[in-house]
Amino acid sequence: MLRCAALVLAAILGIAPAAAAEPGEPGLQIWVNPGMFSHHEKDDREYRKKNYGFGVEAFFTPRHGILAGSILNSNDERSRYLGYHWRPLQLPLGGLRLSGGLAFALIDGYSDVREGGTFPIVLPALSAEYWRLGVHLIYLPNPEHSSAIALQFRLRVW
């Protein structure tokens, strides 16, 4: 996990200067979240629906951000994640901003995937932000077990 995290961090640091804010765009924003709520397509297993934890997101522009955190996953196991969130689709509506894109991340803690080890994942996500409040609607693909849709509430602290 540490080696993979170092590679992702190096890639993120390489991307960050290129993602500098353009004139008229907000600068650095820091968001925190308490985990997420998930709903699984197949409910034949006992999945945890309240995935509590703590996450931090740093957006350099509305389109480019990094994320890291830890949650109690749907298998009731501790997961840690680190990734890059790319949101090329932007729709500003006055004080409301809607966006869409992909999160590319490394995550661990699922005993039924690589014996709990780290693996890469791509997550399609839609976001809405208003003032200091935000929400992500995230699709969590899992072809072997049960894909899920997650709702994550966020608070901007910077």
N, C-alpha and C. Protein backbone atom coordinates (compact mmCIF):
# COMPACT_ATOMS: atom_id res chain seq x y z
N MET A 1 0.83 -1.19 0.00
CA MET A 1 0.00 0.00 0.00
C MET A 1 0.87 1.25 0.00
N LEU A 2 1.92 1.27 0.80
CA LEU A 2 2.76 2.45 0.91
C LEU A 2 3.43 2.78 -0.41
N ARG A 3 3.93 1.77 -1.11
CA ARG A 3 4.59 2.01 -2.40
C ARG A 3 3.60 2.53 -3.43
N CYS A 4 2.41 1.94 -3.49
CA CYS A 4 1.38 2.40 -4.42
C CYS A 4 0.95 3.83 -4.08
N ALA A 5 0.78 4.11 -2.80
CA ALA A 5 0.38 5.45 -2.37
C ALA A 5 1.44 6.47 -2.76
N ALA A 6 2.71 6.12 -2.64
CA ALA A 6 3.79 7.03 -3.02
C ALA A 6 3.75 7.31 -4.52
N LEU A 7 3.46 6.31 -5.33
CA LEU A 7 3.36 6.51 -6.78
C LEU A 7 2.19 7.42 -7.13
N VAL A 8 1.04 7.21 -6.49
CA VAL A 8 -0.12 8.05 -6.74
C VAL A 8 0.16 9.48 -6.30
N LEU A 9 0.77 9.65 -5.14
CA LEU A 9 1.10 10.98 -4.65
C LEU A 9 2.06 11.70 -5.59
N ALA A 10 3.05 11.00 -6.11
CA ALA A 10 4.00 11.59 -7.06
C ALA A 10 3.27 12.04 -8.33
N ALA A 11 2.34 11.22 -8.81
CA ALA A 11 1.56 11.58 -10.00
C ALA A 11 0.69 12.80 -9.73
N ILE A 12 0.07 12.84 -8.55
CA ILE A 12 -0.78 13.97 -8.18
C ILE A 12 0.04 15.25 -8.11
N LEU A 13 1.21 15.18 -7.49
CA LEU A 13 2.06 16.36 -7.39
C LEU A 13 2.54 16.82 -8.76
N GLY A 14 2.67 15.90 -9.69
CA GLY A 14 3.03 16.26 -11.05
C GLY A 14 1.89 16.95 -11.78
N ILE A 15 0.65 16.58 -11.46
CA ILE A 15 -0.53 17.15 -12.10
C ILE A 15 -0.89 18.50 -11.50
N ALA A 16 -0.68 18.69 -10.21
CA ALA A 16 -1.14 19.88 -9.49
C ALA A 16 -0.71 21.19 -10.14
N PRO A 17 0.56 21.39 -10.54
CA PRO A 17 0.91 22.67 -11.16
C PRO A 17 0.15 22.92 -12.45
N ALA A 18 -0.11 21.88 -13.23
CA ALA A 18 -0.85 22.04 -14.48
C ALA A 18 -2.31 22.38 -14.23
N ALA A 19 -2.80 22.08 -13.04
CA ALA A 19 -4.20 22.31 -12.70
C ALA A 19 -4.39 23.63 -11.96
N ALA A 20 -3.43 24.54 -12.07
CA ALA A 20 -3.54 25.82 -11.38
C ALA A 20 -4.81 26.53 -11.81
N ALA A 21 -5.40 27.26 -10.90
CA ALA A 21 -6.67 27.94 -11.15
C ALA A 21 -6.55 28.94 -12.30
N GLU A 22 -7.56 28.91 -13.17
CA GLU A 22 -7.64 29.88 -14.24
C GLU A 22 -8.31 31.13 -13.68
N PRO A 23 -8.10 32.30 -14.33
CA PRO A 23 -8.75 33.53 -13.85
C PRO A 23 -10.26 33.33 -13.77
N GLY A 24 -10.85 33.77 -12.69
CA GLY A 24 -12.29 33.65 -12.49
C GLY A 24 -12.72 32.38 -11.79
N GLU A 25 -11.84 31.39 -11.68
CA GLU A 25 -12.18 30.15 -10.99
C GLU A 25 -11.73 30.25 -9.54
N PRO A 26 -12.49 29.64 -8.63
CA PRO A 26 -12.06 29.66 -7.23
C PRO A 26 -10.73 28.92 -7.08
N GLY A 27 -9.92 29.35 -6.11
CA GLY A 27 -8.64 28.70 -5.86
C GLY A 27 -8.81 27.44 -5.04
N LEU A 28 -7.80 27.13 -4.27
CA LEU A 28 -7.78 25.90 -3.46
C LEU A 28 -8.99 25.85 -2.52
N GLN A 29 -9.66 24.69 -2.53
CA GLN A 29 -10.76 24.43 -1.62
C GLN A 29 -10.49 23.11 -0.91
N ILE A 30 -10.69 23.09 0.41
CA ILE A 30 -10.54 21.89 1.23
C ILE A 30 -11.92 21.48 1.73
N TRP A 31 -12.26 20.23 1.49
CA TRP A 31 -13.54 19.66 1.89
C TRP A 31 -13.29 18.47 2.82
N VAL A 32 -14.20 18.26 3.77
CA VAL A 32 -14.15 17.06 4.63
C VAL A 32 -15.49 16.33 4.51
N ASN A 33 -15.45 15.02 4.78
CA ASN A 33 -16.69 14.23 4.74
C ASN A 33 -16.66 13.17 5.83
N PRO A 34 -17.85 12.74 6.29
CA PRO A 34 -17.94 11.72 7.35
C PRO A 34 -18.14 10.30 6.83
N GLY A 35 -17.73 10.03 5.59
CA GLY A 35 -17.97 8.73 4.99
C GLY A 35 -19.09 8.84 3.97
N MET A 36 -19.89 7.78 3.84
CA MET A 36 -20.96 7.80 2.84
C MET A 36 -22.05 6.80 3.21
N PHE A 37 -23.18 6.94 2.54
CA PHE A 37 -24.28 5.99 2.64
C PHE A 37 -24.33 5.23 1.32
N SER A 38 -24.46 3.91 1.37
CA SER A 38 -24.45 3.12 0.14
C SER A 38 -25.70 2.26 0.01
N HIS A 39 -26.08 2.04 -1.24
CA HIS A 39 -27.19 1.14 -1.57
C HIS A 39 -26.68 0.16 -2.61
N HIS A 40 -26.77 -1.13 -2.32
CA HIS A 40 -26.25 -2.17 -3.20
C HIS A 40 -27.33 -2.71 -4.11
N GLU A 41 -26.94 -2.98 -5.38
CA GLU A 41 -27.89 -3.48 -6.37
C GLU A 41 -28.44 -4.85 -5.98
N LYS A 42 -27.56 -5.76 -5.58
CA LYS A 42 -27.98 -7.09 -5.12
C LYS A 42 -27.87 -7.09 -3.61
N ASP A 43 -28.94 -7.41 -2.95
CA ASP A 43 -28.91 -7.42 -1.49
C ASP A 43 -28.91 -8.84 -0.94
N ASP A 44 -28.27 -9.79 -1.66
CA ASP A 44 -28.25 -11.17 -1.20
C ASP A 44 -27.25 -11.37 -0.07
N ARG A 45 -26.37 -10.40 0.15
CA ARG A 45 -25.42 -10.44 1.27
C ARG A 45 -25.79 -9.33 2.24
N GLU A 46 -25.32 -9.44 3.44
CA GLU A 46 -25.56 -8.40 4.44
C GLU A 46 -24.53 -7.29 4.27
N TYR A 47 -24.86 -6.27 3.48
CA TYR A 47 -23.94 -5.16 3.26
C TYR A 47 -24.21 -4.04 4.26
N ARG A 48 -23.15 -3.42 4.70
CA ARG A 48 -23.25 -2.26 5.56
C ARG A 48 -23.68 -1.08 4.69
N LYS A 49 -24.68 -0.35 5.11
CA LYS A 49 -25.19 0.77 4.33
C LYS A 49 -24.67 2.12 4.82
N LYS A 50 -24.28 2.19 6.07
CA LYS A 50 -23.73 3.43 6.65
C LYS A 50 -22.22 3.23 6.77
N ASN A 51 -21.49 3.83 5.85
CA ASN A 51 -20.05 3.65 5.75
C ASN A 51 -19.33 4.84 6.38
N TYR A 52 -19.32 4.89 7.71
CA TYR A 52 -18.73 6.02 8.43
C TYR A 52 -17.22 6.04 8.30
N GLY A 53 -16.67 7.21 8.40
CA GLY A 53 -15.22 7.37 8.34
C GLY A 53 -14.87 8.85 8.32
N PHE A 54 -13.73 9.15 7.72
CA PHE A 54 -13.30 10.54 7.59
C PHE A 54 -12.51 10.67 6.30
N GLY A 55 -12.87 11.66 5.50
CA GLY A 55 -12.18 11.90 4.24
C GLY A 55 -11.88 13.36 4.07
N VAL A 56 -10.83 13.64 3.30
CA VAL A 56 -10.42 15.01 2.98
C VAL A 56 -10.24 15.10 1.48
N GLU A 57 -10.70 16.20 0.91
CA GLU A 57 -10.52 16.48 -0.51
C GLU A 57 -9.89 17.85 -0.66
N ALA A 58 -8.91 17.97 -1.54
CA ALA A 58 -8.29 19.26 -1.86
C ALA A 58 -8.49 19.48 -3.34
N PHE A 59 -9.30 20.48 -3.69
CA PHE A 59 -9.54 20.81 -5.09
C PHE A 59 -8.73 22.06 -5.44
N PHE A 60 -7.84 21.91 -6.43
CA PHE A 60 -7.01 23.02 -6.89
C PHE A 60 -7.81 23.93 -7.80
N THR A 61 -8.72 23.34 -8.57
CA THR A 61 -9.70 24.04 -9.40
C THR A 61 -10.98 23.23 -9.27
N PRO A 62 -12.11 23.72 -9.80
CA PRO A 62 -13.32 22.90 -9.76
C PRO A 62 -13.19 21.58 -10.50
N ARG A 63 -12.20 21.46 -11.41
CA ARG A 63 -12.04 20.25 -12.21
C ARG A 63 -11.02 19.26 -11.66
N HIS A 64 -10.08 19.68 -10.82
CA HIS A 64 -8.97 18.83 -10.40
C HIS A 64 -8.81 18.82 -8.88
N GLY A 65 -8.86 17.62 -8.29
CA GLY A 65 -8.68 17.50 -6.86
C GLY A 65 -8.06 16.18 -6.46
N ILE A 66 -7.57 16.14 -5.25
CA ILE A 66 -7.06 14.90 -4.68
C ILE A 66 -7.93 14.55 -3.48
N LEU A 67 -7.98 13.27 -3.16
CA LEU A 67 -8.80 12.83 -2.04
C LEU A 67 -8.10 11.71 -1.29
N ALA A 68 -8.36 11.66 0.00
CA ALA A 68 -7.80 10.63 0.86
C ALA A 68 -8.73 10.44 2.05
N GLY A 69 -8.73 9.23 2.59
CA GLY A 69 -9.57 9.00 3.75
C GLY A 69 -9.60 7.55 4.17
N SER A 70 -10.48 7.29 5.12
CA SER A 70 -10.67 5.96 5.67
C SER A 70 -12.15 5.80 5.99
N ILE A 71 -12.72 4.67 5.61
CA ILE A 71 -14.14 4.39 5.90
C ILE A 71 -14.31 2.97 6.39
N LEU A 72 -15.41 2.73 7.04
CA LEU A 72 -15.85 1.38 7.36
C LEU A 72 -16.65 0.93 6.14
N ASN A 73 -16.09 0.03 5.34
CA ASN A 73 -16.70 -0.30 4.04
C ASN A 73 -17.95 -1.18 4.18
N SER A 74 -18.54 -1.49 3.05
CA SER A 74 -19.79 -2.27 3.04
C SER A 74 -19.64 -3.69 3.55
N ASN A 75 -18.40 -4.20 3.60
CA ASN A 75 -18.14 -5.53 4.17
C ASN A 75 -17.84 -5.44 5.66
N ASP A 76 -18.03 -4.25 6.25
CA ASP A 76 -17.78 -4.01 7.67
C ASP A 76 -16.29 -4.15 8.01
N GLU A 77 -15.44 -3.71 7.08
CA GLU A 77 -13.99 -3.75 7.26
C GLU A 77 -13.44 -2.34 7.03
N ARG A 78 -12.31 -2.03 7.62
CA ARG A 78 -11.69 -0.71 7.48
C ARG A 78 -10.98 -0.60 6.13
N SER A 79 -11.30 0.44 5.36
CA SER A 79 -10.65 0.72 4.09
C SER A 79 -10.00 2.10 4.12
N ARG A 80 -8.87 2.20 3.44
CA ARG A 80 -8.20 3.48 3.27
C ARG A 80 -8.10 3.74 1.76
N TYR A 81 -8.20 5.02 1.37
CA TYR A 81 -8.15 5.34 -0.05
C TYR A 81 -7.34 6.60 -0.29
N LEU A 82 -6.80 6.70 -1.50
CA LEU A 82 -6.03 7.85 -1.95
C LEU A 82 -6.26 7.96 -3.44
N GLY A 83 -6.60 9.17 -3.93
CA GLY A 83 -6.87 9.26 -5.35
C GLY A 83 -6.91 10.67 -5.90
N TYR A 84 -7.27 10.73 -7.17
CA TYR A 84 -7.38 11.96 -7.94
C TYR A 84 -8.81 12.03 -8.47
N HIS A 85 -9.45 13.20 -8.32
CA HIS A 85 -10.82 13.39 -8.80
C HIS A 85 -10.79 14.39 -9.95
N TRP A 86 -11.22 13.94 -11.12
CA TRP A 86 -11.25 14.75 -12.33
C TRP A 86 -12.70 15.00 -12.70
N ARG A 87 -13.09 16.28 -12.76
CA ARG A 87 -14.48 16.64 -13.05
C ARG A 87 -14.53 17.59 -14.26
N PRO A 88 -14.44 17.04 -15.47
CA PRO A 88 -14.41 17.91 -16.65
C PRO A 88 -15.76 18.57 -16.96
N LEU A 89 -16.84 17.96 -16.55
CA LEU A 89 -18.16 18.52 -16.82
C LEU A 89 -18.53 19.50 -15.71
N GLN A 90 -18.74 20.75 -16.07
CA GLN A 90 -19.04 21.79 -15.09
C GLN A 90 -20.28 22.56 -15.53
N LEU A 91 -21.20 22.79 -14.58
CA LEU A 91 -22.40 23.56 -14.86
C LEU A 91 -22.64 24.51 -13.68
N PRO A 92 -22.08 25.73 -13.76
CA PRO A 92 -22.35 26.69 -12.70
C PRO A 92 -23.74 27.31 -12.88
N LEU A 93 -24.51 27.30 -11.82
CA LEU A 93 -25.87 27.86 -11.83
C LEU A 93 -25.99 28.87 -10.70
N GLY A 94 -25.43 30.04 -10.87
CA GLY A 94 -25.41 31.02 -9.79
C GLY A 94 -24.51 30.51 -8.68
N GLY A 95 -25.05 30.37 -7.49
CA GLY A 95 -24.27 29.87 -6.36
C GLY A 95 -24.14 28.36 -6.33
N LEU A 96 -24.89 27.67 -7.18
CA LEU A 96 -24.85 26.21 -7.23
C LEU A 96 -23.93 25.77 -8.36
N ARG A 97 -23.07 24.80 -8.09
CA ARG A 97 -22.20 24.24 -9.14
C ARG A 97 -22.45 22.74 -9.22
N LEU A 98 -22.84 22.29 -10.42
CA LEU A 98 -23.00 20.86 -10.68
C LEU A 98 -21.81 20.41 -11.51
N SER A 99 -21.29 19.23 -11.23
CA SER A 99 -20.14 18.73 -11.99
C SER A 99 -20.20 17.21 -12.08
N GLY A 100 -19.45 16.69 -13.04
CA GLY A 100 -19.39 15.25 -13.24
C GLY A 100 -18.03 14.84 -13.74
N GLY A 101 -17.64 13.63 -13.38
CA GLY A 101 -16.35 13.13 -13.81
C GLY A 101 -16.03 11.78 -13.21
N LEU A 102 -14.75 11.55 -13.02
CA LEU A 102 -14.26 10.26 -12.53
C LEU A 102 -13.27 10.46 -11.39
N ALA A 103 -13.32 9.56 -10.42
CA ALA A 103 -12.29 9.50 -9.37
C ALA A 103 -11.45 8.26 -9.64
N PHE A 104 -10.14 8.46 -9.72
CA PHE A 104 -9.18 7.36 -9.90
C PHE A 104 -8.50 7.17 -8.56
N ALA A 105 -8.64 6.00 -7.96
CA ALA A 105 -8.14 5.83 -6.59
C ALA A 105 -7.51 4.46 -6.37
N LEU A 106 -6.74 4.41 -5.29
CA LEU A 106 -6.25 3.15 -4.73
C LEU A 106 -7.00 2.96 -3.42
N ILE A 107 -7.48 1.76 -3.19
CA ILE A 107 -8.23 1.47 -1.96
C ILE A 107 -7.82 0.10 -1.45
N ASP A 108 -7.95 -0.11 -0.16
CA ASP A 108 -7.65 -1.42 0.42
C ASP A 108 -8.76 -1.79 1.40
N GLY A 109 -8.59 -2.92 2.07
CA GLY A 109 -9.49 -3.29 3.15
C GLY A 109 -10.66 -4.17 2.81
N TYR A 110 -10.74 -4.67 1.59
CA TYR A 110 -11.80 -5.61 1.22
C TYR A 110 -11.20 -7.00 1.20
N SER A 111 -11.53 -7.82 2.19
CA SER A 111 -10.92 -9.14 2.29
C SER A 111 -11.24 -10.03 1.09
N ASP A 112 -12.33 -9.75 0.39
CA ASP A 112 -12.69 -10.56 -0.78
C ASP A 112 -12.09 -10.03 -2.08
N VAL A 113 -11.27 -8.98 -2.00
CA VAL A 113 -10.55 -8.45 -3.16
C VAL A 113 -9.07 -8.37 -2.80
N ARG A 114 -8.27 -9.15 -3.48
CA ARG A 114 -6.82 -9.19 -3.24
C ARG A 114 -6.47 -9.39 -1.77
N GLU A 115 -7.28 -10.18 -1.09
CA GLU A 115 -7.06 -10.53 0.32
C GLU A 115 -6.88 -9.30 1.21
N GLY A 116 -7.64 -8.24 0.91
CA GLY A 116 -7.57 -7.02 1.71
C GLY A 116 -6.50 -6.05 1.26
N GLY A 117 -5.72 -6.41 0.26
CA GLY A 117 -4.64 -5.55 -0.23
C GLY A 117 -5.16 -4.40 -1.08
N THR A 118 -4.24 -3.60 -1.54
CA THR A 118 -4.55 -2.41 -2.32
C THR A 118 -4.90 -2.77 -3.76
N PHE A 119 -5.91 -2.08 -4.30
CA PHE A 119 -6.26 -2.26 -5.70
C PHE A 119 -6.75 -0.94 -6.28
N PRO A 120 -6.60 -0.75 -7.60
CA PRO A 120 -7.07 0.49 -8.22
C PRO A 120 -8.56 0.40 -8.53
N ILE A 121 -9.20 1.57 -8.55
CA ILE A 121 -10.63 1.61 -8.88
C ILE A 121 -10.92 2.94 -9.58
N VAL A 122 -11.86 2.91 -10.51
CA VAL A 122 -12.34 4.11 -11.19
C VAL A 122 -13.81 4.26 -10.83
N LEU A 123 -14.16 5.44 -10.31
CA LEU A 123 -15.51 5.68 -9.82
C LEU A 123 -16.16 6.86 -10.55
N PRO A 124 -17.20 6.63 -11.35
CA PRO A 124 -17.95 7.74 -11.92
C PRO A 124 -18.67 8.49 -10.79
N ALA A 125 -18.65 9.82 -10.87
CA ALA A 125 -19.26 10.61 -9.79
C ALA A 125 -19.91 11.88 -10.33
N LEU A 126 -21.03 12.26 -9.74
CA LEU A 126 -21.69 13.53 -9.96
C LEU A 126 -21.58 14.32 -8.66
N SER A 127 -21.38 15.62 -8.77
CA SER A 127 -21.22 16.45 -7.58
C SER A 127 -22.11 17.68 -7.66
N ALA A 128 -22.55 18.15 -6.50
CA ALA A 128 -23.26 19.41 -6.39
C ALA A 128 -22.66 20.16 -5.21
N GLU A 129 -22.42 21.46 -5.41
CA GLU A 129 -21.83 22.28 -4.35
C GLU A 129 -22.59 23.60 -4.26
N TYR A 130 -22.90 23.99 -3.07
CA TYR A 130 -23.56 25.27 -2.81
C TYR A 130 -22.94 25.87 -1.57
N TRP A 131 -22.26 26.98 -1.73
CA TRP A 131 -21.58 27.69 -0.66
C TRP A 131 -20.57 26.74 -0.01
N ARG A 132 -20.77 26.31 1.23
CA ARG A 132 -19.84 25.40 1.92
C ARG A 132 -20.36 23.97 2.01
N LEU A 133 -21.49 23.71 1.38
CA LEU A 133 -22.08 22.38 1.44
C LEU A 133 -21.96 21.68 0.09
N GLY A 134 -21.73 20.40 0.12
CA GLY A 134 -21.61 19.65 -1.12
C GLY A 134 -22.07 18.22 -0.94
N VAL A 135 -22.25 17.56 -2.08
CA VAL A 135 -22.65 16.17 -2.08
C VAL A 135 -22.07 15.51 -3.33
N HIS A 136 -21.64 14.26 -3.18
CA HIS A 136 -21.22 13.43 -4.31
C HIS A 136 -22.20 12.28 -4.43
N LEU A 137 -22.58 11.94 -5.65
CA LEU A 137 -23.31 10.72 -5.95
C LEU A 137 -22.33 9.86 -6.73
N ILE A 138 -21.95 8.71 -6.18
CA ILE A 138 -20.84 7.91 -6.69
C ILE A 138 -21.33 6.51 -7.07
N TYR A 139 -20.88 6.04 -8.23
CA TYR A 139 -21.18 4.67 -8.63
C TYR A 139 -19.96 3.81 -8.29
N LEU A 140 -20.17 2.75 -7.50
CA LEU A 140 -19.10 1.86 -7.06
C LEU A 140 -19.25 0.52 -7.78
N PRO A 141 -18.53 0.31 -8.89
CA PRO A 141 -18.69 -0.93 -9.64
C PRO A 141 -18.04 -2.12 -8.94
N ASN A 142 -18.74 -3.26 -8.96
CA ASN A 142 -18.18 -4.49 -8.42
C ASN A 142 -18.80 -5.65 -9.20
N PRO A 143 -18.15 -6.06 -10.29
CA PRO A 143 -18.75 -7.11 -11.13
C PRO A 143 -18.87 -8.47 -10.46
N GLU A 144 -18.04 -8.74 -9.44
CA GLU A 144 -18.07 -10.06 -8.79
C GLU A 144 -19.16 -10.19 -7.74
N HIS A 145 -19.46 -9.11 -7.04
CA HIS A 145 -20.42 -9.20 -5.94
C HIS A 145 -21.63 -8.30 -6.21
N SER A 146 -21.60 -7.09 -5.71
CA SER A 146 -22.74 -6.20 -5.88
C SER A 146 -22.27 -4.77 -6.03
N SER A 147 -22.53 -4.17 -7.18
CA SER A 147 -22.22 -2.77 -7.37
C SER A 147 -23.13 -1.94 -6.46
N ALA A 148 -22.72 -0.69 -6.23
CA ALA A 148 -23.49 0.14 -5.31
C ALA A 148 -23.51 1.58 -5.81
N ILE A 149 -24.46 2.31 -5.28
CA ILE A 149 -24.53 3.75 -5.46
C ILE A 149 -24.36 4.34 -4.07
N ALA A 150 -23.48 5.35 -3.97
CA ALA A 150 -23.20 5.94 -2.66
C ALA A 150 -23.49 7.44 -2.69
N LEU A 151 -23.93 7.94 -1.56
CA LEU A 151 -24.19 9.35 -1.35
C LEU A 151 -23.23 9.84 -0.28
N GLN A 152 -22.47 10.87 -0.60
CA GLN A 152 -21.46 11.38 0.34
C GLN A 152 -21.69 12.87 0.55
N PHE A 153 -21.97 13.26 1.79
CA PHE A 153 -22.12 14.66 2.13
C PHE A 153 -20.77 15.25 2.47
N ARG A 154 -20.57 16.54 2.11
CA ARG A 154 -19.26 17.18 2.27
C ARG A 154 -19.44 18.59 2.86
N LEU A 155 -18.39 19.04 3.53
CA LEU A 155 -18.38 20.39 4.10
C LEU A 155 -17.06 21.06 3.72
N ARG A 156 -17.13 22.25 3.12
CA ARG A 156 -15.92 22.98 2.76
C ARG A 156 -15.41 23.73 3.98
N VAL A 157 -14.17 23.48 4.35
CA VAL A 157 -13.59 24.11 5.53
C VAL A 157 -12.55 25.17 5.16
N TRP A 158 -12.23 25.26 3.87
CA TRP A 158 -11.27 26.28 3.40
C TRP A 158 -11.65 26.73 2.02
